[in-house]
Amino acid sequence: MCTHTPKCPTADSPDAEAAHVVAAHPEQGWSLLCNAVVLFDVMSISGAWHGR
């Protein structure tokens, strides 16, 4: 999926979160990385759970 040079780390690499963001939805609390990892912003999600 990654076309960057140098290549982004794979999903199973220890530094997988260092890959480039290809889709960001901060209002929903998640981002998709070019290595197919979905990152969740726990702070924004937990804030929504508490009615903030």
Protein backbone atom coordinates (compact mmCIF):
# COMPACT_ATOMS: atom_id res chain seq x y z
CA MET A 1 0.00 0.00 0.00
CA CYS A 2 2.91 2.37 0.72
CA THR A 3 4.42 4.20 -2.22
CA HIS A 4 6.66 6.52 -0.17
CA THR A 5 10.44 6.58 -0.41
CA PRO A 6 11.80 5.30 1.87
CA LYS A 7 9.04 2.79 2.47
CA CYS A 8 6.97 3.21 5.62
CA PRO A 9 7.29 0.55 8.30
CA THR A 10 5.04 -2.46 7.88
CA ALA A 11 2.01 -3.03 10.10
CA ASP A 12 3.89 -5.65 12.15
CA SER A 13 7.00 -3.50 12.69
CA PRO A 14 7.72 -2.10 16.16
CA ASP A 15 7.52 1.42 14.66
CA ALA A 16 4.33 0.81 12.63
CA GLU A 17 2.79 4.06 13.92
CA ALA A 18 5.50 6.04 12.07
CA ALA A 19 3.82 5.39 8.70
CA HIS A 20 2.20 8.26 6.77
CA VAL A 21 -1.44 9.15 7.40
CA VAL A 22 -3.55 8.59 4.27
CA ALA A 23 -6.97 9.35 5.80
CA ALA A 24 -7.63 11.32 8.97
CA HIS A 25 -10.94 11.65 10.77
CA PRO A 26 -10.12 13.51 14.00
CA GLU A 27 -13.80 14.22 14.59
CA GLN A 28 -14.31 10.45 14.82
CA GLY A 29 -11.02 9.83 16.62
CA TRP A 30 -9.13 7.72 14.07
CA SER A 31 -6.58 7.83 11.24
CA LEU A 32 -5.63 5.31 8.55
CA LEU A 33 -1.92 4.86 7.87
CA CYS A 34 -0.45 3.81 4.53
CA ASN A 35 0.53 0.43 6.02
CA ALA A 36 -3.17 -0.32 6.72
CA VAL A 37 -2.88 0.39 10.45
CA VAL A 38 -5.85 2.23 11.96
CA LEU A 39 -4.83 4.51 14.82
CA PHE A 40 -7.45 5.46 17.37
CA ASP A 41 -7.17 8.66 19.41
CA VAL A 42 -8.11 7.25 22.79
CA MET A 43 -8.34 10.71 24.36
CA SER A 44 -10.98 11.95 21.92
CA ILE A 45 -12.90 8.68 22.05
CA SER A 46 -12.86 8.52 25.86
CA GLY A 47 -13.93 12.17 25.96
CA ALA A 48 -16.95 11.32 23.81
CA TRP A 49 -17.87 8.48 26.15
CA HIS A 50 -17.98 10.93 29.04
CA GLY A 51 -20.25 13.35 27.22
CA ARG A 52 -17.59 15.97 26.47
